[in-house]
Amino acid sequence: MNRFPLANKTGLVAGAASGIGAATARVLRSHGRNVTLLDLHLNAVQTVARSIGDRQTPALGAVATDPRSLAVQQSVDHFGTLDVVFANAGMVTDPQYLR
């Protein structure tokens, strides 16, 4: 029994151009979930979107002042719903945290 059915659901993955975000998007898509991808690196996230598969997968570059609301709206416009957000993206702007 699948407690969390994924088919015909829509997810938004932030930080989807590489690593955990890209892997999460691929797994969600392989289980039948529609996925919208969001990342600062538009070319890289478009490459991931093309590699995912059979349906058109929106890939958005985070170029607006607050791209999250744009990404949510575009996902809803494209798929008609948004069921889950995987907020994988993060930025460190103070180098002291990298030490």
C-alpha atoms as a PDB file:
ATOM      1  CA  MET A   1       0.000   0.000   0.000  1.00  0.00           C
ATOM      2  CA  ASN A   2       1.348   3.400  -1.017  1.00  0.00           C
ATOM      3  CA  ARG A   3       0.599   5.810   1.825  1.00  0.00           C
ATOM      4  CA  PHE A   4       1.646   8.821  -0.194  1.00  0.00           C
ATOM      5  CA  PRO A   5       0.491   8.368  -3.789  1.00  0.00           C
ATOM      6  CA  LEU A   6       2.380  10.651  -6.146  1.00  0.00           C
ATOM      7  CA  ALA A   7       0.665  10.065  -9.474  1.00  0.00           C
ATOM      8  CA  ASN A   8      -1.196  13.034 -10.892  1.00  0.00           C
ATOM      9  CA  LYS A   9       0.082  15.398  -8.202  1.00  0.00           C
ATOM     10  CA  THR A  10       2.125  18.523  -8.852  1.00  0.00           C
ATOM     11  CA  GLY A  11       5.325  19.521  -7.113  1.00  0.00           C
ATOM     12  CA  LEU A  12       7.604  22.531  -7.244  1.00  0.00           C
ATOM     13  CA  VAL A  13      11.300  21.885  -6.597  1.00  0.00           C
ATOM     14  CA  ALA A  14      13.504  24.868  -5.765  1.00  0.00           C
ATOM     15  CA  GLY A  15      17.229  24.407  -6.287  1.00  0.00           C
ATOM     16  CA  ALA A  16      16.524  21.916  -9.059  1.00  0.00           C
ATOM     17  CA  ALA A  17      19.507  22.535 -11.341  1.00  0.00           C
ATOM     18  CA  SER A  18      21.806  20.053  -9.615  1.00  0.00           C
ATOM     19  CA  GLY A  19      22.419  17.751  -6.685  1.00  0.00           C
ATOM     20  CA  ILE A  20      19.591  16.922  -4.296  1.00  0.00           C
ATOM     21  CA  GLY A  21      17.102  19.189  -6.090  1.00  0.00           C
ATOM     22  CA  ALA A  22      17.685  17.614  -9.505  1.00  0.00           C
ATOM     23  CA  ALA A  23      17.589  14.106  -8.014  1.00  0.00           C
ATOM     24  CA  THR A  24      14.344  14.883  -6.185  1.00  0.00           C
ATOM     25  CA  ALA A  25      12.753  16.222  -9.360  1.00  0.00           C
ATOM     26  CA  ARG A  26      13.753  13.058 -11.248  1.00  0.00           C
ATOM     27  CA  VAL A  27      12.337  10.769  -8.530  1.00  0.00           C
ATOM     28  CA  LEU A  28       9.068  12.698  -8.314  1.00  0.00           C
ATOM     29  CA  ARG A  29       8.694  12.609 -12.090  1.00  0.00           C
ATOM     30  CA  SER A  30       9.502   8.892 -12.225  1.00  0.00           C
ATOM     31  CA  HIS A  31       6.600   8.299  -9.833  1.00  0.00           C
ATOM     32  CA  GLY A  32       4.158  10.152 -12.067  1.00  0.00           C
ATOM     33  CA  ARG A  33       4.224  13.536 -10.399  1.00  0.00           C
ATOM     34  CA  ASN A  34       4.128  16.718 -12.470  1.00  0.00           C
ATOM     35  CA  VAL A  35       7.111  18.878 -11.566  1.00  0.00           C
ATOM     36  CA  THR A  36       7.980  22.541 -11.956  1.00  0.00           C
ATOM     37  CA  LEU A  37      11.681  23.277 -11.529  1.00  0.00           C
ATOM     38  CA  LEU A  38      13.094  26.500 -10.095  1.00  0.00           C
ATOM     39  CA  ASP A  39      16.730  27.563  -9.838  1.00  0.00           C
ATOM     40  CA  LEU A  40      18.965  30.616 -10.159  1.00  0.00           C
ATOM     41  CA  HIS A  41      20.785  28.912 -13.047  1.00  0.00           C
ATOM     42  CA  LEU A  42      18.251  28.870 -15.879  1.00  0.00           C
ATOM     43  CA  ASN A  43      20.353  26.980 -18.456  1.00  0.00           C
ATOM     44  CA  ALA A  44      21.204  24.229 -15.975  1.00  0.00           C
ATOM     45  CA  VAL A  45      17.626  23.824 -14.761  1.00  0.00           C
ATOM     46  CA  GLN A  46      16.368  23.710 -18.355  1.00  0.00           C
ATOM     47  CA  THR A  47      18.821  20.864 -19.021  1.00  0.00           C
ATOM     48  CA  VAL A  48      17.440  18.952 -16.033  1.00  0.00           C
ATOM     49  CA  ALA A  49      13.874  19.602 -17.208  1.00  0.00           C
ATOM     50  CA  ARG A  50      14.643  18.224 -20.679  1.00  0.00           C
ATOM     51  CA  SER A  51      16.242  15.127 -19.175  1.00  0.00           C
ATOM     52  CA  ILE A  52      13.243  14.285 -17.006  1.00  0.00           C
ATOM     53  CA  GLY A  53      10.921  12.899 -19.569  1.00  0.00           C
ATOM     54  CA  ASP A  54       7.725  12.655 -21.440  1.00  0.00           C
ATOM     55  CA  ARG A  55       5.721  15.702 -20.338  1.00  0.00           C
ATOM     56  CA  GLN A  56       6.616  19.316 -20.650  1.00  0.00           C
ATOM     57  CA  THR A  57       8.304  20.215 -17.371  1.00  0.00           C
ATOM     58  CA  PRO A  58       8.448  23.953 -16.698  1.00  0.00           C
ATOM     59  CA  ALA A  59      11.906  25.197 -15.761  1.00  0.00           C
ATOM     60  CA  LEU A  60      12.067  28.677 -14.278  1.00  0.00           C
ATOM     61  CA  GLY A  61      15.048  30.882 -13.572  1.00  0.00           C
ATOM     62  CA  ALA A  62      14.822  32.827 -10.330  1.00  0.00           C
ATOM     63  CA  VAL A  63      15.323  36.259 -11.824  1.00  0.00           C
ATOM     64  CA  ALA A  64      12.514  38.255 -10.241  1.00  0.00           C
ATOM     65  CA  THR A  65      12.844  40.054  -6.909  1.00  0.00           C
ATOM     66  CA  ASP A  66      10.638  37.381  -5.334  1.00  0.00           C
ATOM     67  CA  PRO A  67      10.508  34.489  -7.812  1.00  0.00           C
ATOM     68  CA  ARG A  68       8.647  32.144  -5.459  1.00  0.00           C
ATOM     69  CA  SER A  69       5.213  33.614  -6.123  1.00  0.00           C
ATOM     70  CA  LEU A  70       5.903  33.647  -9.870  1.00  0.00           C
ATOM     71  CA  ALA A  71       6.955  29.999  -9.772  1.00  0.00           C
ATOM     72  CA  VAL A  72       3.836  29.017  -7.832  1.00  0.00           C
ATOM     73  CA  GLN A  73       1.581  30.900 -10.245  1.00  0.00           C
ATOM     74  CA  GLN A  74       3.262  29.434 -13.329  1.00  0.00           C
ATOM     75  CA  SER A  75       3.018  25.921 -11.894  1.00  0.00           C
ATOM     76  CA  VAL A  76      -0.702  26.387 -11.200  1.00  0.00           C
ATOM     77  CA  ASP A  77      -1.239  27.935 -14.629  1.00  0.00           C
ATOM     78  CA  HIS A  78       0.554  25.027 -16.320  1.00  0.00           C
ATOM     79  CA  PHE A  79      -0.795  22.058 -14.336  1.00  0.00           C
ATOM     80  CA  GLY A  80      -3.936  23.470 -12.704  1.00  0.00           C
ATOM     81  CA  THR A  81      -2.730  22.808  -9.154  1.00  0.00           C
ATOM     82  CA  LEU A  82       0.251  22.745  -6.820  1.00  0.00           C
ATOM     83  CA  ASP A  83       0.290  20.032  -4.153  1.00  0.00           C
ATOM     84  CA  VAL A  84       3.776  20.199  -2.624  1.00  0.00           C
ATOM     85  CA  VAL A  85       6.843  22.454  -2.576  1.00  0.00           C
ATOM     86  CA  PHE A  86      10.340  21.086  -1.979  1.00  0.00           C
ATOM     87  CA  ALA A  87      12.319  24.133  -0.805  1.00  0.00           C
ATOM     88  CA  ASN A  88      15.808  22.804  -1.446  1.00  0.00           C
ATOM     89  CA  ALA A  89      17.474  26.066  -2.470  1.00  0.00           C
ATOM     90  CA  GLY A  90      19.632  28.156  -0.208  1.00  0.00           C
ATOM     91  CA  MET A  91      22.255  30.842  -0.390  1.00  0.00           C
ATOM     92  CA  VAL A  92      25.008  31.912   1.962  1.00  0.00           C
ATOM     93  CA  THR A  93      25.786  35.588   1.582  1.00  0.00           C
ATOM     94  CA  ASP A  94      28.118  35.967   4.587  1.00  0.00           C
ATOM     95  CA  PRO A  95      31.433  34.135   4.019  1.00  0.00           C
ATOM     96  CA  GLN A  96      31.932  33.595   7.771  1.00  0.00           C
ATOM     97  CA  TYR A  97      29.362  30.789   7.601  1.00  0.00           C
ATOM     98  CA  LEU A  98      31.505  28.906   5.104  1.00  0.00           C
ATOM     99  CA  ARG A  99      34.382  28.443   7.548  1.00  0.00           C
END
